[in-house]
Amino acid sequence: MSVLPGIVGTGDWSADDYPENWRTTLLRLRPNAKAVLTMLMGLAKTEETDAPNFHWGEKGIRQMVFASAAATSSATTIVFTGTTPLKPLRAGHVLRNTRTQEVVWVDADPVSPYTDLSVIRGSNVGSTSAAVNAADNWILVTTRHEENATPPRGNYRTPTWVENYTEIFRNVISLSRTAKKTSLRYAKEGPTKEMLHDALEDHMIDIESAGIWGVPYEGTGSDGLPERTTGGMLHFCTTSGTDFGGSFDLLDFLDALRIAMRYGSNTKLCLMGDQALLTLMHFVLSNSSFQVDANTKMWGMNVMRILSPFGTLMVKQHELLTDSEDYSDWALIVDTKNVRYRPLRDSDTKLIPNAVKDGRDGEVSEYLGEGGWEWDLEETHAVWENFSGFSA
C-alpha cells in the first residue's frame, strides 16, 4: 500500500483485481526436428512389410584374398587356411602372391573340404616360383581359358539373410471431458491440441531412437501375446566403425574416413552430437586438406559439406545424440540409399481419436503405428565413438 495520500500503487490491488500477464503461446526447447532419420524416410517412397518379421538378403563382392599355409617353391599343391576357403575358386583362376608376386594357375576344381589347391607354377605360367610362407595372402586376379575349351564350373554366391521386426509405437493422451473443455492460458479452446502435439513429438522421437539404439527382439508379453522391438543402427552396423578413444590425429581421422567410405555411396550423411561436431570443426579448421562448405542444403535441410579424397560427408547435428552426455561425442555415418523404415501394411503412424469407447466421461486418443528399421548392407554405414581429443 502506498504511504503517499491519494496515490494508488499496484500493491493496493488484490490478486483478484490484478491479473498478471501470461504469454499465450508456449516456448519449446529445440523446436527443430530431432528425428532426422525419420524425416528422411518420410521423403522416400514407403516400402511396407506384410509381416512383423521381415528379412532382406545381401550379397557382397566375390572373395578376392585367400590365405595359405607354408609351401616349398616346387610344391604343386598349396594348402589354404580357414573353413572351406577355396569354395569360390575353380580351374582357370589366376592367383598372385602379394608378398612374392608369384603368379599361379589353378588347374583343377577344388573339392571338399576345399583347402587343397592344385596349381601350375613357374615358367609354365610366365612367373618365377618362390617359397610360400605361412599366412601369405593370394589375390584372385582373373581367369585364363584355352581356345575352344569346354565351359568351366559355374560359381554361385549364397546370399546372407538379415532379420528384423516391426515394433508397435503408441503415444496416448487421456483427459476428462471437463478438462477438455477448460480454457488454459496457452490453449483457449482446451488442452487437446497441445497434448496431441506433445504425443506426436514423442512418437517421432520413439521411432528415431529405435532406429539408432534399438535391439531386435521377439518374445511373449504378460498376456501371452507376441511383443517385438526393432533393431537399430548400433545393432546392425558394426563392421566399418571406429572408436577414437578420446584422442586422435590427422592420420587417425583419415583412416576412419577411409573405412567409413570404402563401400556404398560417395556421399553420406554424418549425424553428430554437439561435442563430436565441436571436435570436427576444430579439426577441419586446423587442416587445409579438406574443403568445407558450411551452407549446403541437401535432403531438405541445411548441412555442412566436407569434401575429402575418400568421399563427401554431409554433416548435421543430431539432437538425440546431443541430449545424451554419453553419446554427445559420437557420430553416425549413414548411407541414405541403404536405410529404410518399413511400416507394417496399413499401419504407418496415424491418429486414432477416441480410441477407447468404454462409456467414460472423457477422451483417450493415441498416435499408433507399427514398423521397423531396415539397415541394408551394414558395411556402408559407420559408427564413430569417442570422437574427441583432436591433436594437431
Protein backbone atom coordinates (compact mmCIF):
# COMPACT_ATOMS: atom_id res chain seq x y z
CA MET A 1 0.00 0.00 0.00
CA SER A 2 1.29 3.45 -0.91
CA VAL A 3 2.34 5.69 2.03
CA LEU A 4 1.56 8.78 -0.03
CA PRO A 5 -2.02 10.00 0.27
CA GLY A 6 -4.08 9.78 -2.90
CA ILE A 7 -1.58 7.64 -4.84
CA VAL A 8 -2.54 4.10 -5.76
CA GLY A 9 0.18 1.57 -6.46
CA THR A 10 -0.10 -1.96 -7.84
CA GLY A 11 0.38 -3.22 -4.31
CA ASP A 12 -3.05 -1.79 -3.44
CA TRP A 13 -4.77 -4.39 -5.62
CA SER A 14 -5.51 -7.95 -4.64
CA ALA A 15 -4.71 -10.91 -6.86
CA ASP A 16 -8.34 -10.94 -7.98
CA ASP A 17 -8.07 -7.30 -9.14
CA TYR A 18 -4.63 -7.51 -10.75
CA PRO A 19 -4.20 -10.37 -13.26
CA GLU A 20 -0.60 -10.93 -14.23
CA ASN A 21 0.43 -11.12 -17.87
CA TRP A 22 0.91 -14.61 -19.25
CA ARG A 23 2.26 -15.37 -22.73
CA THR A 24 -0.41 -17.25 -24.65
CA THR A 25 1.99 -19.42 -26.61
CA LEU A 26 4.46 -21.89 -25.15
CA LEU A 27 8.15 -21.72 -25.96
CA ARG A 28 9.53 -25.12 -26.89
CA LEU A 29 13.12 -26.08 -26.28
CA ARG A 30 14.74 -27.05 -29.58
CA PRO A 31 11.86 -26.51 -31.97
CA ASN A 32 13.94 -28.06 -34.78
CA ALA A 33 13.18 -31.68 -35.65
CA LYS A 34 15.02 -34.22 -33.51
CA ALA A 35 14.19 -37.11 -35.84
CA VAL A 36 16.45 -36.55 -38.84
CA LEU A 37 16.37 -40.19 -39.99
CA THR A 38 12.60 -40.41 -39.62
CA MET A 39 12.24 -37.19 -41.60
CA LEU A 40 14.42 -38.58 -44.39
CA MET A 41 12.35 -41.75 -44.53
CA GLY A 42 9.28 -39.56 -44.95
CA LEU A 43 10.82 -38.15 -48.14
CA ALA A 44 11.43 -41.61 -49.59
CA LYS A 45 8.93 -43.97 -51.16
CA THR A 46 7.21 -46.07 -48.49
CA GLU A 47 8.04 -49.77 -48.60
CA GLU A 48 5.64 -51.67 -46.37
CA THR A 49 6.08 -55.13 -44.93
CA ASP A 50 3.23 -57.63 -44.83
CA ALA A 51 4.57 -59.45 -41.76
CA PRO A 52 6.00 -58.34 -38.40
CA ASN A 53 9.14 -60.40 -39.11
CA PHE A 54 10.85 -59.04 -42.20
CA HIS A 55 14.04 -60.18 -43.90
CA TRP A 56 16.39 -58.90 -46.56
CA GLY A 57 19.06 -60.76 -48.50
CA GLU A 58 22.54 -59.38 -49.15
CA LYS A 59 25.45 -60.38 -51.35
CA GLY A 60 28.93 -58.95 -51.10
CA ILE A 61 31.55 -58.79 -53.80
CA ARG A 62 33.35 -62.02 -54.63
CA GLN A 63 36.14 -63.07 -52.30
CA MET A 64 39.41 -61.60 -53.52
CA VAL A 65 42.07 -62.65 -50.98
CA PHE A 66 42.97 -66.15 -49.76
CA ALA A 67 45.49 -67.04 -47.01
CA SER A 68 47.74 -70.07 -47.38
CA ALA A 69 49.95 -72.25 -45.24
CA ALA A 70 53.68 -72.57 -45.93
CA ALA A 71 54.83 -74.46 -49.04
CA THR A 72 58.06 -75.06 -50.93
CA SER A 73 58.86 -73.37 -54.22
CA SER A 74 58.31 -76.64 -56.07
CA ALA A 75 55.03 -77.69 -54.46
CA THR A 76 52.14 -78.09 -56.90
CA THR A 77 49.55 -78.34 -54.14
CA ILE A 78 49.19 -75.39 -51.78
CA VAL A 79 47.12 -75.69 -48.61
CA PHE A 80 44.91 -72.76 -47.63
CA THR A 81 43.61 -71.90 -44.16
CA GLY A 82 40.09 -71.33 -42.92
CA THR A 83 36.75 -73.10 -43.25
CA THR A 84 36.17 -74.26 -46.85
CA PRO A 85 38.34 -71.32 -48.01
CA LEU A 86 38.59 -72.37 -51.66
CA LYS A 87 34.90 -72.79 -52.49
CA PRO A 88 34.87 -69.66 -54.69
CA LEU A 89 37.79 -70.91 -56.83
CA ARG A 90 37.77 -73.16 -59.89
CA ALA A 91 40.08 -74.39 -62.58
CA GLY A 92 41.20 -71.48 -64.74
CA HIS A 93 41.54 -68.91 -61.97
CA VAL A 94 44.80 -66.97 -61.72
CA LEU A 95 46.22 -66.07 -58.27
CA ARG A 96 49.08 -63.75 -57.29
CA ASN A 97 51.07 -63.93 -54.05
CA THR A 98 51.00 -60.42 -52.59
CA ARG A 99 54.37 -60.91 -50.85
CA THR A 100 56.50 -62.64 -53.50
CA GLN A 101 54.42 -61.50 -56.54
CA GLU A 102 54.48 -65.07 -57.87
CA VAL A 103 51.58 -65.92 -60.20
CA VAL A 104 50.00 -69.40 -60.25
CA TRP A 105 47.25 -71.00 -62.33
CA VAL A 106 44.57 -73.18 -60.73
CA ASP A 107 44.48 -76.36 -62.80
CA ALA A 108 41.72 -78.32 -61.03
CA ASP A 109 38.46 -77.51 -59.31
CA PRO A 110 38.88 -77.61 -55.52
CA VAL A 111 36.90 -80.36 -53.77
CA SER A 112 35.66 -80.79 -50.21
CA PRO A 113 36.94 -79.74 -47.68
CA TYR A 114 38.16 -77.02 -50.09
CA THR A 115 41.57 -76.49 -48.50
CA ASP A 116 43.98 -78.01 -51.06
CA LEU A 117 44.66 -76.15 -54.30
CA SER A 118 46.32 -77.80 -57.29
CA VAL A 119 48.34 -75.21 -59.22
CA ILE A 120 50.68 -74.73 -62.16
CA ARG A 121 53.72 -72.64 -61.26
CA GLY A 122 56.94 -71.15 -62.57
CA SER A 123 57.90 -70.74 -66.19
CA ASN A 124 54.81 -72.70 -67.27
CA VAL A 125 52.74 -69.62 -66.41
CA GLY A 126 55.35 -66.94 -67.12
CA SER A 127 56.29 -66.48 -63.47
CA THR A 128 59.06 -67.39 -61.02
CA SER A 129 58.35 -69.89 -58.24
CA ALA A 130 59.14 -68.85 -54.67
CA ALA A 131 58.80 -70.41 -51.25
CA VAL A 132 55.44 -69.71 -49.65
CA ASN A 133 55.32 -68.54 -46.04
CA ALA A 134 52.56 -69.30 -43.58
CA ALA A 135 49.76 -66.71 -43.78
CA ASP A 136 50.83 -65.49 -47.22
CA ASN A 137 47.95 -63.80 -49.00
CA TRP A 138 46.96 -64.61 -52.57
CA ILE A 139 44.77 -62.25 -54.57
CA LEU A 140 42.38 -63.55 -57.22
CA VAL A 141 43.50 -61.77 -60.39
CA THR A 142 41.49 -63.11 -63.32
CA THR A 143 40.74 -66.25 -65.32
CA ARG A 144 42.50 -67.90 -68.25
CA HIS A 145 40.83 -70.11 -70.85
CA GLU A 146 42.15 -72.10 -73.76
CA GLU A 147 40.59 -71.64 -77.19
CA ASN A 148 37.64 -73.94 -77.91
CA ALA A 149 37.60 -75.19 -74.30
CA THR A 150 34.51 -76.59 -72.61
CA PRO A 151 32.76 -74.24 -70.13
CA PRO A 152 34.28 -74.09 -66.64
CA ARG A 153 32.41 -74.96 -63.45
CA GLY A 154 29.79 -72.39 -62.51
CA ASN A 155 30.00 -70.35 -59.33
CA TYR A 156 27.18 -69.09 -57.15
CA ARG A 157 27.41 -66.87 -54.07
CA THR A 158 24.79 -67.67 -51.45
CA PRO A 159 23.03 -64.59 -50.06
CA THR A 160 23.13 -63.72 -46.37
CA TRP A 161 19.69 -63.13 -44.85
CA VAL A 162 19.19 -60.48 -42.19
CA GLU A 163 16.11 -60.28 -39.96
CA ASN A 164 14.41 -57.51 -38.05
CA TYR A 165 10.98 -56.95 -36.51
CA THR A 166 8.30 -54.32 -36.55
CA GLU A 167 7.63 -52.51 -33.28
CA ILE A 168 4.32 -51.06 -32.11
CA PHE A 169 4.66 -47.37 -31.25
CA ARG A 170 1.85 -45.88 -29.13
CA ASN A 171 1.63 -42.42 -27.63
CA VAL A 172 -1.59 -41.62 -25.80
CA ILE A 173 -3.40 -38.59 -24.44
CA SER A 174 -6.10 -39.05 -21.81
CA LEU A 175 -8.21 -36.30 -20.29
CA SER A 176 -11.67 -35.89 -18.80
CA ARG A 177 -14.43 -34.13 -20.71
CA THR A 178 -14.27 -31.31 -18.20
CA ALA A 179 -10.53 -30.87 -18.73
CA LYS A 180 -11.04 -30.98 -22.49
CA LYS A 181 -13.50 -28.07 -22.29
CA THR A 182 -11.39 -25.97 -19.92
CA SER A 183 -9.56 -22.96 -21.35
CA LEU A 184 -5.89 -22.63 -20.45
CA ARG A 185 -3.68 -19.59 -20.76
CA TYR A 186 -1.87 -21.18 -23.69
CA ALA A 187 -4.85 -23.12 -25.07
CA LYS A 188 -8.07 -21.12 -25.10
CA GLU A 189 -10.01 -23.91 -26.80
CA GLY A 190 -8.79 -26.53 -24.33
CA PRO A 191 -5.61 -28.60 -23.95
CA THR A 192 -6.33 -31.31 -26.54
CA LYS A 193 -4.37 -29.76 -29.41
CA GLU A 194 -1.34 -29.06 -27.22
CA MET A 195 -1.38 -32.58 -25.77
CA LEU A 196 -1.61 -34.10 -29.25
CA HIS A 197 1.37 -32.00 -30.31
CA ASP A 198 3.40 -33.46 -27.41
CA ALA A 199 2.25 -37.01 -28.19
CA LEU A 200 3.21 -36.73 -31.86
CA GLU A 201 6.65 -35.35 -30.98
CA ASP A 202 7.21 -38.20 -28.52
CA HIS A 203 6.01 -40.70 -31.13
CA MET A 204 8.52 -39.37 -33.67
CA ILE A 205 11.35 -39.50 -31.13
CA ASP A 206 10.46 -43.08 -30.16
CA ILE A 207 10.75 -44.22 -33.79
CA GLU A 208 14.02 -42.33 -34.27
CA SER A 209 15.56 -43.67 -31.04
CA ALA A 210 14.63 -47.22 -32.01
CA GLY A 211 16.33 -46.63 -35.37
CA ILE A 212 19.56 -45.77 -33.56
CA TRP A 213 19.67 -47.75 -30.30
CA GLY A 214 17.00 -50.43 -30.73
CA VAL A 215 17.70 -54.15 -30.34
CA PRO A 216 15.66 -56.70 -32.35
CA TYR A 217 13.58 -58.86 -30.03
CA GLU A 218 10.57 -61.15 -30.29
CA GLY A 219 9.02 -62.68 -27.22
CA THR A 220 5.79 -63.16 -25.32
CA GLY A 221 4.13 -60.46 -23.26
CA SER A 222 2.36 -60.75 -19.93
CA ASP A 223 -0.95 -61.57 -21.65
CA GLY A 224 0.62 -64.40 -23.62
CA LEU A 225 0.71 -62.50 -26.93
CA PRO A 226 3.79 -61.66 -29.04
CA GLU A 227 5.75 -58.47 -28.37
CA ARG A 228 8.58 -57.19 -30.51
CA THR A 229 11.15 -54.41 -30.71
CA THR A 230 13.00 -53.31 -33.81
CA GLY A 231 16.77 -53.24 -34.17
CA GLY A 232 18.64 -50.01 -34.91
CA MET A 233 21.89 -48.82 -36.40
CA LEU A 234 24.12 -49.62 -33.43
CA HIS A 235 22.95 -53.23 -33.50
CA PHE A 236 23.34 -53.90 -37.22
CA CYS A 237 26.19 -51.62 -38.33
CA THR A 238 29.33 -52.94 -36.66
CA THR A 239 31.90 -53.52 -39.43
CA SER A 240 33.01 -50.06 -40.57
CA GLY A 241 33.05 -48.15 -37.28
CA THR A 242 35.93 -46.59 -35.35
CA ASP A 243 36.47 -45.94 -31.65
CA PHE A 244 38.71 -42.88 -31.48
CA GLY A 245 39.32 -43.42 -27.77
CA GLY A 246 39.05 -39.71 -26.97
CA SER A 247 42.29 -38.87 -28.80
CA PHE A 248 43.25 -38.80 -32.47
CA ASP A 249 45.35 -37.04 -35.09
CA LEU A 250 45.08 -36.41 -38.82
CA LEU A 251 46.12 -39.91 -39.87
CA ASP A 252 43.65 -41.49 -37.42
CA PHE A 253 40.84 -39.42 -38.90
CA LEU A 254 41.79 -40.21 -42.49
CA ASP A 255 41.94 -43.93 -41.70
CA ALA A 256 38.50 -43.83 -40.06
CA LEU A 257 37.13 -41.93 -43.04
CA ARG A 258 38.70 -44.43 -45.43
CA ILE A 259 36.95 -47.29 -43.65
CA ALA A 260 33.61 -45.48 -43.44
CA MET A 261 33.60 -44.59 -47.15
CA ARG A 262 35.01 -47.86 -48.51
CA TYR A 263 31.65 -49.25 -49.61
CA GLY A 264 28.41 -47.68 -50.81
CA SER A 265 27.74 -44.11 -51.85
CA ASN A 266 30.43 -41.47 -52.28
CA THR A 267 28.26 -39.00 -50.35
CA LYS A 268 26.99 -39.91 -46.88
CA LEU A 269 25.09 -38.22 -44.09
CA CYS A 270 27.09 -37.71 -40.88
CA LEU A 271 24.92 -37.17 -37.78
CA MET A 272 26.85 -35.90 -34.76
CA GLY A 273 26.39 -34.99 -31.14
CA ASP A 274 27.43 -31.46 -30.25
CA GLN A 275 30.78 -32.49 -28.71
CA ALA A 276 31.67 -34.52 -31.79
CA LEU A 277 30.66 -31.60 -34.00
CA LEU A 278 32.81 -29.22 -31.97
CA THR A 279 35.76 -31.59 -32.39
CA LEU A 280 35.15 -31.89 -36.11
CA MET A 281 35.04 -28.11 -36.54
CA HIS A 282 38.33 -27.77 -34.64
CA PHE A 283 39.80 -30.50 -36.80
CA VAL A 284 38.80 -29.20 -40.24
CA LEU A 285 39.71 -25.60 -39.36
CA SER A 286 43.17 -26.81 -38.34
CA ASN A 287 43.77 -28.67 -41.60
CA SER A 288 43.87 -27.39 -45.14
CA SER A 289 43.41 -30.93 -46.51
CA PHE A 290 39.62 -30.59 -46.60
CA GLN A 291 37.20 -28.36 -48.46
CA VAL A 292 34.34 -27.21 -46.22
CA ASP A 293 31.06 -25.62 -47.24
CA ALA A 294 29.08 -24.64 -44.16
CA ASN A 295 25.96 -23.58 -46.05
CA THR A 296 24.74 -26.51 -48.15
CA LYS A 297 21.16 -27.68 -48.50
CA MET A 298 20.51 -31.35 -49.06
CA TRP A 299 17.63 -33.72 -48.24
CA GLY A 300 15.58 -30.63 -47.38
CA MET A 301 17.84 -29.45 -44.55
CA ASN A 302 20.94 -27.34 -44.02
CA VAL A 303 24.13 -29.33 -43.66
CA MET A 304 27.88 -28.72 -43.64
CA ARG A 305 29.63 -30.38 -46.59
CA ILE A 306 33.14 -31.73 -46.13
CA LEU A 307 35.00 -32.96 -49.22
CA SER A 308 37.82 -35.46 -48.77
CA PRO A 309 39.82 -37.80 -51.03
CA PHE A 310 37.64 -40.70 -49.83
CA GLY A 311 34.24 -39.08 -50.35
CA THR A 312 31.91 -36.37 -49.11
CA LEU A 313 30.31 -36.06 -45.68
CA MET A 314 27.12 -34.08 -45.20
CA VAL A 315 27.32 -33.14 -41.52
CA LYS A 316 24.28 -32.42 -39.35
CA GLN A 317 23.93 -32.19 -35.59
CA HIS A 318 21.59 -34.82 -34.17
CA GLU A 319 19.82 -33.63 -31.07
CA LEU A 320 19.16 -37.07 -29.62
CA LEU A 321 22.93 -37.65 -29.55
CA THR A 322 23.48 -34.17 -28.15
CA ASP A 323 20.86 -34.68 -25.44
CA SER A 324 22.75 -37.68 -24.08
CA GLU A 325 26.09 -36.83 -22.49
CA ASP A 326 27.30 -40.38 -23.14
CA TYR A 327 26.66 -40.08 -26.89
CA SER A 328 27.41 -36.40 -27.47
CA ASP A 329 30.85 -37.27 -28.87
CA TRP A 330 29.53 -39.96 -31.21
CA ALA A 331 28.85 -39.74 -34.95
CA LEU A 332 26.61 -41.85 -37.17
CA ILE A 333 27.66 -42.04 -40.80
CA VAL A 334 24.65 -43.12 -42.83
CA ASP A 335 24.45 -44.19 -46.45
CA THR A 336 20.95 -42.86 -47.02
CA LYS A 337 20.39 -45.18 -50.00
CA ASN A 338 20.75 -48.21 -47.73
CA VAL A 339 18.36 -47.48 -44.88
CA ARG A 340 14.59 -47.51 -44.81
CA TYR A 341 11.71 -47.55 -42.36
CA ARG A 342 9.30 -50.44 -43.04
CA PRO A 343 5.78 -49.85 -41.71
CA LEU A 344 3.55 -52.89 -41.37
CA ARG A 345 0.90 -52.88 -44.09
CA ASP A 346 -1.70 -50.16 -43.48
CA SER A 347 -0.05 -49.46 -40.10
CA ASP A 348 2.01 -46.33 -40.63
CA THR A 349 1.58 -43.66 -37.95
CA LYS A 350 -1.95 -42.30 -37.67
CA LEU A 351 -4.06 -40.54 -35.08
CA ILE A 352 -6.79 -42.69 -33.55
CA PRO A 353 -9.26 -40.23 -31.96
CA ASN A 354 -11.40 -41.55 -29.12
CA ALA A 355 -9.56 -44.85 -29.28
CA VAL A 356 -11.21 -46.14 -26.10
CA LYS A 357 -15.01 -46.15 -26.06
CA ASP A 358 -15.91 -47.60 -22.69
CA GLY A 359 -18.51 -45.08 -21.60
CA ARG A 360 -16.10 -42.89 -19.64
CA ASP A 361 -16.74 -39.16 -19.37
CA GLY A 362 -13.59 -38.20 -21.20
CA GLU A 363 -11.30 -38.89 -24.15
CA VAL A 364 -8.47 -41.33 -24.79
CA SER A 365 -6.78 -40.74 -28.17
CA GLU A 366 -3.46 -42.00 -29.46
CA TYR A 367 -0.91 -41.91 -32.21
CA LEU A 368 -0.50 -45.52 -33.27
CA GLY A 369 1.96 -47.03 -35.72
CA GLU A 370 3.88 -50.23 -36.31
CA GLY A 371 7.08 -50.53 -38.28
CA GLY A 372 10.75 -51.45 -38.19
CA TRP A 373 14.10 -50.28 -39.47
CA GLU A 374 15.99 -51.95 -42.31
CA TRP A 375 19.72 -51.23 -42.35
CA ASP A 376 20.85 -52.67 -45.68
CA LEU A 377 24.50 -53.58 -46.38
CA GLU A 378 25.72 -52.65 -42.93
CA GLU A 379 29.29 -52.16 -44.18
CA THR A 380 28.13 -48.99 -45.97
CA HIS A 381 27.32 -47.30 -42.63
CA ALA A 382 29.70 -46.45 -39.80
CA VAL A 383 29.58 -45.51 -36.12
CA TRP A 384 32.30 -43.28 -34.67
CA GLU A 385 32.68 -43.48 -30.90
CA ASN A 386 34.51 -41.10 -28.54
CA PHE A 387 35.24 -38.64 -31.32
CA SER A 388 37.06 -36.06 -29.20
CA GLY A 389 40.56 -35.03 -28.16
CA PHE A 390 41.94 -33.97 -31.54
CA SER A 391 45.65 -33.14 -31.52
CA ALA A 392 47.04 -31.12 -34.42
